Amino acid sequence: MQFFQYNERLGIMLPHLEKRLEEYEETIQEEILLKWEQIRGKIPDRIKSLEQWINQKQTQLEEEEDFETSCLLNSQIAELASIINDLWIWYRI
């Protein structure tokens, strides 16, 4: 749909409107909102998947003895947590 653009980092389509929603015709507004609700409904599953990745990386981190690898794992965990935070923000919109 032309009103959404895939966000690689978040792994979902996000609204990409050229003007405010209220400036579109009512039928287009409804179409946009319906599509957003469909996308929004999948966000909790995306978050759950990312949380599983975090858990796997935390398990690896607990067993890791190499400092540089530990730093990398910590960085990956922080990035995944940041993505989850951003997804929750979009979910509440």
PDB file of N, CA and C in Angstrom:
ATOM      1  N   MET A   1       0.851  -1.192   0.000  1.00  0.00           N
ATOM      2  CA  MET A   1       0.000   0.000   0.000  1.00  0.00           C
ATOM      3  C   MET A   1       0.886   1.240   0.000  1.00  0.00           C
ATOM      4  N   GLN A   2       0.509   2.229  -0.745  1.00  0.00           N
ATOM      5  CA  GLN A   2       1.328   3.416  -0.920  1.00  0.00           C
ATOM      6  C   GLN A   2       1.478   4.260   0.342  1.00  0.00           C
ATOM      7  N   PHE A   3       0.669   4.038   1.341  1.00  0.00           N
ATOM      8  CA  PHE A   3       0.703   4.861   2.537  1.00  0.00           C
ATOM      9  C   PHE A   3       1.560   4.257   3.650  1.00  0.00           C
ATOM     10  N   PHE A   4       2.254   3.172   3.336  1.00  0.00           N
ATOM     11  CA  PHE A   4       3.090   2.495   4.319  1.00  0.00           C
ATOM     12  C   PHE A   4       4.440   2.166   3.696  1.00  0.00           C
ATOM     13  N   GLN A   5       5.441   2.133   4.563  1.00  0.00           N
ATOM     14  CA  GLN A   5       6.797   1.833   4.099  1.00  0.00           C
ATOM     15  C   GLN A   5       7.415   0.849   5.088  1.00  0.00           C
ATOM     16  N   TYR A   6       8.098  -0.152   4.558  1.00  0.00           N
ATOM     17  CA  TYR A   6       8.719  -1.165   5.415  1.00  0.00           C
ATOM     18  C   TYR A   6       9.901  -0.562   6.164  1.00  0.00           C
ATOM     19  N   ASN A   7       9.935  -0.798   7.472  1.00  0.00           N
ATOM     20  CA  ASN A   7      11.046  -0.351   8.303  1.00  0.00           C
ATOM     21  C   ASN A   7      11.898  -1.567   8.624  1.00  0.00           C
ATOM     22  N   GLU A   8      13.068  -1.612   8.061  1.00  0.00           N
ATOM     23  CA  GLU A   8      13.974  -2.754   8.209  1.00  0.00           C
ATOM     24  C   GLU A   8      14.312  -3.011   9.681  1.00  0.00           C
ATOM     25  N   ARG A   9      14.615  -1.976  10.415  1.00  0.00           N
ATOM     26  CA  ARG A   9      15.013  -2.116  11.821  1.00  0.00           C
ATOM     27  C   ARG A   9      13.894  -2.724  12.669  1.00  0.00           C
ATOM     28  N   LEU A  10      12.684  -2.237  12.485  1.00  0.00           N
ATOM     29  CA  LEU A  10      11.567  -2.721  13.301  1.00  0.00           C
ATOM     30  C   LEU A  10      10.932  -3.981  12.736  1.00  0.00           C
ATOM     31  N   GLY A  11      11.127  -4.220  11.448  1.00  0.00           N
ATOM     32  CA  GLY A  11      10.573  -5.414  10.825  1.00  0.00           C
ATOM     33  C   GLY A  11       9.087  -5.335  10.557  1.00  0.00           C
ATOM     34  N   ILE A  12       8.562  -4.123  10.445  1.00  0.00           N
ATOM     35  CA  ILE A  12       7.134  -3.927  10.155  1.00  0.00           C
ATOM     36  C   ILE A  12       6.964  -2.762   9.182  1.00  0.00           C
ATOM     37  N   MET A  13       5.777  -2.692   8.609  1.00  0.00           N
ATOM     38  CA  MET A  13       5.408  -1.534   7.791  1.00  0.00           C
ATOM     39  C   MET A  13       4.997  -0.400   8.737  1.00  0.00           C
ATOM     40  N   LEU A  14       5.410   0.822   8.396  1.00  0.00           N
ATOM     41  CA  LEU A  14       5.031   1.992   9.182  1.00  0.00           C
ATOM     42  C   LEU A  14       4.302   2.983   8.291  1.00  0.00           C
ATOM     43  N   PRO A  15       3.409   3.768   8.891  1.00  0.00           N
ATOM     44  CA  PRO A  15       2.720   4.786   8.095  1.00  0.00           C
ATOM     45  C   PRO A  15       3.728   5.743   7.456  1.00  0.00           C
ATOM     46  N   HIS A  16       3.464   6.065   6.218  1.00  0.00           N
ATOM     47  CA  HIS A  16       4.314   7.007   5.475  1.00  0.00           C
ATOM     48  C   HIS A  16       3.381   7.906   4.667  1.00  0.00           C
ATOM     49  N   LEU A  17       2.817   8.880   5.361  1.00  0.00           N
ATOM     50  CA  LEU A  17       1.818   9.749   4.759  1.00  0.00           C
ATOM     51  C   LEU A  17       2.466  11.042   4.276  1.00  0.00           C
ATOM     52  N   GLU A  18       2.007  11.509   3.140  1.00  0.00           N
ATOM     53  CA  GLU A  18       2.534  12.757   2.595  1.00  0.00           C
ATOM     54  C   GLU A  18       1.827  13.978   3.177  1.00  0.00           C
ATOM     55  N   LYS A  19       0.693  13.743   3.807  1.00  0.00           N
ATOM     56  CA  LYS A  19      -0.040  14.814   4.465  1.00  0.00           C
ATOM     57  C   LYS A  19      -0.735  14.241   5.689  1.00  0.00           C
ATOM     58  N   ARG A  20      -1.342  15.097   6.470  1.00  0.00           N
ATOM     59  CA  ARG A  20      -2.028  14.636   7.674  1.00  0.00           C
ATOM     60  C   ARG A  20      -3.181  13.728   7.295  1.00  0.00           C
ATOM     61  N   LEU A  21      -3.445  12.751   8.132  1.00  0.00           N
ATOM     62  CA  LEU A  21      -4.503  11.774   7.865  1.00  0.00           C
ATOM     63  C   LEU A  21      -5.830  12.458   7.562  1.00  0.00           C
ATOM     64  N   GLU A  22      -6.152  13.506   8.297  1.00  0.00           N
ATOM     65  CA  GLU A  22      -7.419  14.207   8.147  1.00  0.00           C
ATOM     66  C   GLU A  22      -7.566  14.877   6.778  1.00  0.00           C
ATOM     67  N   GLU A  23      -6.465  15.054   6.072  1.00  0.00           N
ATOM     68  CA  GLU A  23      -6.495  15.720   4.769  1.00  0.00           C
ATOM     69  C   GLU A  23      -6.833  14.754   3.623  1.00  0.00           C
ATOM     70  N   TYR A  24      -6.856  13.467   3.915  1.00  0.00           N
ATOM     71  CA  TYR A  24      -7.237  12.485   2.904  1.00  0.00           C
ATOM     72  C   TYR A  24      -8.759  12.315   2.896  1.00  0.00           C
ATOM     73  N   GLU A  25      -9.275  11.838   1.787  1.00  0.00           N
ATOM     74  CA  GLU A  25     -10.704  11.537   1.707  1.00  0.00           C
ATOM     75  C   GLU A  25     -11.058  10.500   2.766  1.00  0.00           C
ATOM     76  N   GLU A  26     -12.298  10.521   3.207  1.00  0.00           N
ATOM     77  CA  GLU A  26     -12.741   9.633   4.281  1.00  0.00           C
ATOM     78  C   GLU A  26     -12.520   8.158   3.945  1.00  0.00           C
ATOM     79  N   THR A  27     -12.778   7.762   2.721  1.00  0.00           N
ATOM     80  CA  THR A  27     -12.582   6.355   2.340  1.00  0.00           C
ATOM     81  C   THR A  27     -11.101   5.967   2.410  1.00  0.00           C
ATOM     82  N   ILE A  28     -10.230   6.884   2.031  1.00  0.00           N
ATOM     83  CA  ILE A  28      -8.783   6.632   2.108  1.00  0.00           C
ATOM     84  C   ILE A  28      -8.360   6.565   3.570  1.00  0.00           C
ATOM     85  N   GLN A  29      -8.884   7.453   4.398  1.00  0.00           N
ATOM     86  CA  GLN A  29      -8.583   7.419   5.833  1.00  0.00           C
ATOM     87  C   GLN A  29      -8.947   6.060   6.416  1.00  0.00           C
ATOM     88  N   GLU A  30     -10.124   5.566   6.078  1.00  0.00           N
ATOM     89  CA  GLU A  30     -10.575   4.272   6.586  1.00  0.00           C
ATOM     90  C   GLU A  30      -9.663   3.150   6.123  1.00  0.00           C
ATOM     91  N   GLU A  31      -9.247   3.213   4.876  1.00  0.00           N
ATOM     92  CA  GLU A  31      -8.345   2.212   4.320  1.00  0.00           C
ATOM     93  C   GLU A  31      -6.994   2.229   5.048  1.00  0.00           C
ATOM     94  N   ILE A  32      -6.487   3.416   5.292  1.00  0.00           N
ATOM     95  CA  ILE A  32      -5.209   3.560   6.008  1.00  0.00           C
ATOM     96  C   ILE A  32      -5.341   3.024   7.427  1.00  0.00           C
ATOM     97  N   LEU A  33      -6.404   3.408   8.112  1.00  0.00           N
ATOM     98  CA  LEU A  33      -6.597   2.966   9.496  1.00  0.00           C
ATOM     99  C   LEU A  33      -6.803   1.458   9.594  1.00  0.00           C
ATOM    100  N   LEU A  34      -7.521   0.880   8.651  1.00  0.00           N
ATOM    101  CA  LEU A  34      -7.721  -0.563   8.642  1.00  0.00           C
ATOM    102  C   LEU A  34      -6.387  -1.284   8.467  1.00  0.00           C
ATOM    103  N   LYS A  35      -5.605  -0.822   7.511  1.00  0.00           N
ATOM    104  CA  LYS A  35      -4.292  -1.434   7.276  1.00  0.00           C
ATOM    105  C   LYS A  35      -3.412  -1.279   8.510  1.00  0.00           C
ATOM    106  N   TRP A  36      -3.431  -0.096   9.146  1.00  0.00           N
ATOM    107  CA  TRP A  36      -2.608   0.113  10.332  1.00  0.00           C
ATOM    108  C   TRP A  36      -3.033  -0.831  11.460  1.00  0.00           C
ATOM    109  N   GLU A  37      -4.320  -1.031  11.629  1.00  0.00           N
ATOM    110  CA  GLU A  37      -4.794  -1.938  12.675  1.00  0.00           C
ATOM    111  C   GLU A  37      -4.323  -3.365  12.412  1.00  0.00           C
ATOM    112  N   GLN A  38      -4.274  -3.762  11.146  1.00  0.00           N
ATOM    113  CA  GLN A  38      -3.764  -5.096  10.806  1.00  0.00           C
ATOM    114  C   GLN A  38      -2.280  -5.209  11.149  1.00  0.00           C
ATOM    115  N   ILE A  39      -1.521  -4.194  10.805  1.00  0.00           N
ATOM    116  CA  ILE A  39      -0.087  -4.183  11.118  1.00  0.00           C
ATOM    117  C   ILE A  39       0.110  -4.134  12.620  1.00  0.00           C
ATOM    118  N   ARG A  40      -0.605  -3.248  13.262  1.00  0.00           N
ATOM    119  CA  ARG A  40      -0.495  -3.056  14.713  1.00  0.00           C
ATOM    120  C   ARG A  40      -0.785  -4.347  15.475  1.00  0.00           C
ATOM    121  N   GLY A  41      -1.723  -5.115  14.970  1.00  0.00           N
ATOM    122  CA  GLY A  41      -2.085  -6.369  15.617  1.00  0.00           C
ATOM    123  C   GLY A  41      -0.961  -7.396  15.610  1.00  0.00           C
ATOM    124  N   LYS A  42       0.002  -7.239  14.712  1.00  0.00           N
ATOM    125  CA  LYS A  42       1.129  -8.168  14.631  1.00  0.00           C
ATOM    126  C   LYS A  42       2.322  -7.740  15.478  1.00  0.00           C
ATOM    127  N   ILE A  43       2.277  -6.532  16.004  1.00  0.00           N
ATOM    128  CA  ILE A  43       3.413  -6.020  16.776  1.00  0.00           C
ATOM    129  C   ILE A  43       3.709  -6.877  18.015  1.00  0.00           C
ATOM    130  N   PRO A  44       2.718  -7.298  18.800  1.00  0.00           N
ATOM    131  CA  PRO A  44       3.048  -8.135  19.975  1.00  0.00           C
ATOM    132  C   PRO A  44       3.796  -9.426  19.596  1.00  0.00           C
ATOM    133  N   ASP A  45       3.444 -10.031  18.467  1.00  0.00           N
ATOM    134  CA  ASP A  45       4.158 -11.235  18.028  1.00  0.00           C
ATOM    135  C   ASP A  45       5.600 -10.903  17.662  1.00  0.00           C
ATOM    136  N   ARG A  46       5.804  -9.766  17.028  1.00  0.00           N
ATOM    137  CA  ARG A  46       7.162  -9.329  16.679  1.00  0.00           C
ATOM    138  C   ARG A  46       7.972  -9.098  17.948  1.00  0.00           C
ATOM    139  N   ILE A  47       7.363  -8.483  18.944  1.00  0.00           N
ATOM    140  CA  ILE A  47       8.039  -8.235  20.218  1.00  0.00           C
ATOM    141  C   ILE A  47       8.399  -9.557  20.892  1.00  0.00           C
ATOM    142  N   LYS A  48       7.480 -10.487  20.895  1.00  0.00           N
ATOM    143  CA  LYS A  48       7.729 -11.796  21.502  1.00  0.00           C
ATOM    144  C   LYS A  48       8.926 -12.480  20.835  1.00  0.00           C
ATOM    145  N   SER A  49       9.000 -12.397  19.528  1.00  0.00           N
ATOM    146  CA  SER A  49      10.122 -12.981  18.789  1.00  0.00           C
ATOM    147  C   SER A  49      11.448 -12.328  19.193  1.00  0.00           C
ATOM    148  N   LEU A  50      11.439 -11.015  19.299  1.00  0.00           N
ATOM    149  CA  LEU A  50      12.659 -10.298  19.705  1.00  0.00           C
ATOM    150  C   LEU A  50      13.053 -10.632  21.138  1.00  0.00           C
ATOM    151  N   GLU A  51      12.071 -10.798  22.008  1.00  0.00           N
ATOM    152  CA  GLU A  51      12.356 -11.174  23.396  1.00  0.00           C
ATOM    153  C   GLU A  51      13.018 -12.549  23.452  1.00  0.00           C
ATOM    154  N   GLN A  52      12.600 -13.459  22.570  1.00  0.00           N
ATOM    155  CA  GLN A  52      13.244 -14.776  22.518  1.00  0.00           C
ATOM    156  C   GLN A  52      14.696 -14.654  22.092  1.00  0.00           C
ATOM    157  N   TRP A  53      14.968 -13.768  21.132  1.00  0.00           N
ATOM    158  CA  TRP A  53      16.362 -13.529  20.718  1.00  0.00           C
ATOM    159  C   TRP A  53      17.180 -12.984  21.880  1.00  0.00           C
ATOM    160  N   ILE A  54      16.578 -12.057  22.635  1.00  0.00           N
ATOM    161  CA  ILE A  54      17.276 -11.500  23.797  1.00  0.00           C
ATOM    162  C   ILE A  54      17.596 -12.612  24.787  1.00  0.00           C
ATOM    163  N   ASN A  55      16.639 -13.471  25.052  1.00  0.00           N
ATOM    164  CA  ASN A  55      16.868 -14.568  25.996  1.00  0.00           C
ATOM    165  C   ASN A  55      17.997 -15.477  25.530  1.00  0.00           C
ATOM    166  N   GLN A  56      18.047 -15.762  24.237  1.00  0.00           N
ATOM    167  CA  GLN A  56      19.131 -16.594  23.697  1.00  0.00           C
ATOM    168  C   GLN A  56      20.478 -15.903  23.869  1.00  0.00           C
ATOM    169  N   LYS A  57      20.519 -14.624  23.585  1.00  0.00           N
ATOM    170  CA  LYS A  57      21.776 -13.880  23.709  1.00  0.00           C
ATOM    171  C   LYS A  57      22.201 -13.749  25.173  1.00  0.00           C
ATOM    172  N   GLN A  58      21.241 -13.612  26.074  1.00  0.00           N
ATOM    173  CA  GLN A  58      21.567 -13.555  27.502  1.00  0.00           C
ATOM    174  C   GLN A  58      22.143 -14.889  27.978  1.00  0.00           C
ATOM    175  N   THR A  59      21.603 -15.981  27.461  1.00  0.00           N
ATOM    176  CA  THR A  59      22.142 -17.296  27.791  1.00  0.00           C
ATOM    177  C   THR A  59      23.573 -17.416  27.282  1.00  0.00           C
ATOM    178  N   GLN A  60      23.808 -16.966  26.056  1.00  0.00           N
ATOM    179  CA  GLN A  60      25.172 -16.972  25.504  1.00  0.00           C
ATOM    180  C   GLN A  60      26.093 -16.108  26.353  1.00  0.00           C
ATOM    181  N   LEU A  61      25.595 -14.954  26.763  1.00  0.00           N
ATOM    182  CA  LEU A  61      26.389 -14.014  27.552  1.00  0.00           C
ATOM    183  C   LEU A  61      26.799 -14.618  28.887  1.00  0.00           C
ATOM    184  N   GLU A  62      25.891 -15.351  29.512  1.00  0.00           N
ATOM    185  CA  GLU A  62      26.186 -15.985  30.796  1.00  0.00           C
ATOM    186  C   GLU A  62      27.343 -16.975  30.688  1.00  0.00           C
ATOM    187  N   GLU A  63      27.480 -17.595  29.522  1.00  0.00           N
ATOM    188  CA  GLU A  63      28.500 -18.619  29.323  1.00  0.00           C
ATOM    189  C   GLU A  63      29.765 -18.068  28.658  1.00  0.00           C
ATOM    190  N   GLU A  64      29.699 -16.848  28.171  1.00  0.00           N
ATOM    191  CA  GLU A  64      30.812 -16.284  27.401  1.00  0.00           C
ATOM    192  C   GLU A  64      31.950 -15.831  28.317  1.00  0.00           C
ATOM    193  N   GLU A  65      33.163 -16.188  27.951  1.00  0.00           N
ATOM    194  CA  GLU A  65      34.341 -15.797  28.732  1.00  0.00           C
ATOM    195  C   GLU A  65      35.174 -14.732  28.037  1.00  0.00           C
ATOM    196  N   ASP A  66      34.999 -14.598  26.729  1.00  0.00           N
ATOM    197  CA  ASP A  66      35.769 -13.616  25.975  1.00  0.00           C
ATOM    198  C   ASP A  66      35.142 -12.227  26.147  1.00  0.00           C
ATOM    199  N   PHE A  67      35.948 -11.260  26.574  1.00  0.00           N
ATOM    200  CA  PHE A  67      35.446  -9.926  26.870  1.00  0.00           C
ATOM    201  C   PHE A  67      34.845  -9.250  25.639  1.00  0.00           C
ATOM    202  N   GLU A  68      35.540  -9.317  24.506  1.00  0.00           N
ATOM    203  CA  GLU A  68      35.043  -8.657  23.299  1.00  0.00           C
ATOM    204  C   GLU A  68      33.719  -9.266  22.828  1.00  0.00           C
ATOM    205  N   THR A  69      33.614 -10.567  22.904  1.00  0.00           N
ATOM    206  CA  THR A  69      32.371 -11.233  22.525  1.00  0.00           C
ATOM    207  C   THR A  69      31.258 -10.852  23.488  1.00  0.00           C
ATOM    208  N   SER A  70      31.579 -10.729  24.769  1.00  0.00           N
ATOM    209  CA  SER A  70      30.589 -10.304  25.769  1.00  0.00           C
ATOM    210  C   SER A  70      30.081  -8.895  25.465  1.00  0.00           C
ATOM    211  N   CYS A  71      31.002  -8.026  25.077  1.00  0.00           N
ATOM    212  CA  CYS A  71      30.608  -6.659  24.722  1.00  0.00           C
ATOM    213  C   CYS A  71      29.686  -6.655  23.499  1.00  0.00           C
ATOM    214  N   LEU A  72      30.012  -7.484  22.528  1.00  0.00           N
ATOM    215  CA  LEU A  72      29.184  -7.588  21.325  1.00  0.00           C
ATOM    216  C   LEU A  72      27.782  -8.093  21.681  1.00  0.00           C
ATOM    217  N   LEU A  73      27.717  -9.120  22.506  1.00  0.00           N
ATOM    218  CA  LEU A  73      26.420  -9.655  22.921  1.00  0.00           C
ATOM    219  C   LEU A  73      25.615  -8.603  23.686  1.00  0.00           C
ATOM    220  N   ASN A  74      26.275  -7.863  24.570  1.00  0.00           N
ATOM    221  CA  ASN A  74      25.592  -6.793  25.312  1.00  0.00           C
ATOM    222  C   ASN A  74      25.044  -5.739  24.362  1.00  0.00           C
ATOM    223  N   SER A  75      25.825  -5.400  23.365  1.00  0.00           N
ATOM    224  CA  SER A  75      25.397  -4.415  22.379  1.00  0.00           C
ATOM    225  C   SER A  75      24.184  -4.924  21.598  1.00  0.00           C
ATOM    226  N   GLN A  76      24.213  -6.182  21.204  1.00  0.00           N
ATOM    227  CA  GLN A  76      23.086  -6.773  20.474  1.00  0.00           C
ATOM    228  C   GLN A  76      21.828  -6.808  21.339  1.00  0.00           C
ATOM    229  N   ILE A  77      21.986  -7.153  22.593  1.00  0.00           N
ATOM    230  CA  ILE A  77      20.849  -7.179  23.520  1.00  0.00           C
ATOM    231  C   ILE A  77      20.264  -5.776  23.670  1.00  0.00           C
ATOM    232  N   ALA A  78      21.126  -4.788  23.800  1.00  0.00           N
ATOM    233  CA  ALA A  78      20.655  -3.404  23.945  1.00  0.00           C
ATOM    234  C   ALA A  78      19.902  -2.954  22.691  1.00  0.00           C
ATOM    235  N   GLU A  79      20.397  -3.314  21.517  1.00  0.00           N
ATOM    236  CA  GLU A  79      19.722  -2.937  20.271  1.00  0.00           C
ATOM    237  C   GLU A  79      18.352  -3.613  20.168  1.00  0.00           C
ATOM    238  N   LEU A  80      18.286  -4.883  20.513  1.00  0.00           N
ATOM    239  CA  LEU A  80      17.000  -5.588  20.487  1.00  0.00           C
ATOM    240  C   LEU A  80      16.013  -4.956  21.465  1.00  0.00           C
ATOM    241  N   ALA A  81      16.496  -4.589  22.642  1.00  0.00           N
ATOM    242  CA  ALA A  81      15.637  -3.935  23.638  1.00  0.00           C
ATOM    243  C   ALA A  81      15.145  -2.580  23.121  1.00  0.00           C
ATOM    244  N   SER A  82      16.006  -1.865  22.417  1.00  0.00           N
ATOM    245  CA  SER A  82      15.625  -0.583  21.841  1.00  0.00           C
ATOM    246  C   SER A  82      14.542  -0.770  20.772  1.00  0.00           C
ATOM    247  N   ILE A  83      14.680  -1.804  19.964  1.00  0.00           N
ATOM    248  CA  ILE A  83      13.677  -2.099  18.942  1.00  0.00           C
ATOM    249  C   ILE A  83      12.343  -2.416  19.603  1.00  0.00           C
ATOM    250  N   ILE A  84      12.378  -3.216  20.651  1.00  0.00           N
ATOM    251  CA  ILE A  84      11.149  -3.554  21.385  1.00  0.00           C
ATOM    252  C   ILE A  84      10.493  -2.288  21.922  1.00  0.00           C
ATOM    253  N   ASN A  85      11.285  -1.399  22.492  1.00  0.00           N
ATOM    254  CA  ASN A  85      10.754  -0.144  23.014  1.00  0.00           C
ATOM    255  C   ASN A  85      10.067   0.662  21.906  1.00  0.00           C
ATOM    256  N   ASP A  86      10.722   0.761  20.756  1.00  0.00           N
ATOM    257  CA  ASP A  86      10.139   1.494  19.632  1.00  0.00           C
ATOM    258  C   ASP A  86       8.858   0.827  19.129  1.00  0.00           C
ATOM    259  N   LEU A  87       8.853  -0.498  19.105  1.00  0.00           N
ATOM    260  CA  LEU A  87       7.642  -1.204  18.689  1.00  0.00           C
ATOM    261  C   LEU A  87       6.487  -0.928  19.639  1.00  0.00           C
ATOM    262  N   TRP A  88       6.736  -0.885  20.948  1.00  0.00           N
ATOM    263  CA  TRP A  88       5.667  -0.584  21.898  1.00  0.00           C
ATOM    264  C   TRP A  88       5.134   0.834  21.667  1.00  0.00           C
ATOM    265  N   ILE A  89       6.026   1.756  21.343  1.00  0.00           N
ATOM    266  CA  ILE A  89       5.575   3.121  21.055  1.00  0.00           C
ATOM    267  C   ILE A  89       4.636   3.105  19.842  1.00  0.00           C
ATOM    268  N   TRP A  90       5.036   2.423  18.782  1.00  0.00           N
ATOM    269  CA  TRP A  90       4.174   2.347  17.592  1.00  0.00           C
ATOM    270  C   TRP A  90       2.882   1.605  17.903  1.00  0.00           C
ATOM    271  N   TYR A  91       2.939   0.616  18.752  1.00  0.00           N
ATOM    272  CA  TYR A  91       1.728  -0.139  19.104  1.00  0.00           C
ATOM    273  C   TYR A  91       0.696   0.765  19.784  1.00  0.00           C
ATOM    274  N   ARG A  92       1.175   1.709  20.569  1.00  0.00           N
ATOM    275  CA  ARG A  92       0.272   2.590  21.319  1.00  0.00           C
ATOM    276  C   ARG A  92      -0.262   3.739  20.473  1.00  0.00           C
ATOM    277  N   ILE A  93       0.286   3.914  19.276  1.00  0.00           N
ATOM    278  CA  ILE A  93      -0.171   5.012  18.411  1.00  0.00           C
ATOM    279  C   ILE A  93      -1.479   4.619  17.744  1.00  0.00           C
TER     280      ILE A  93
END
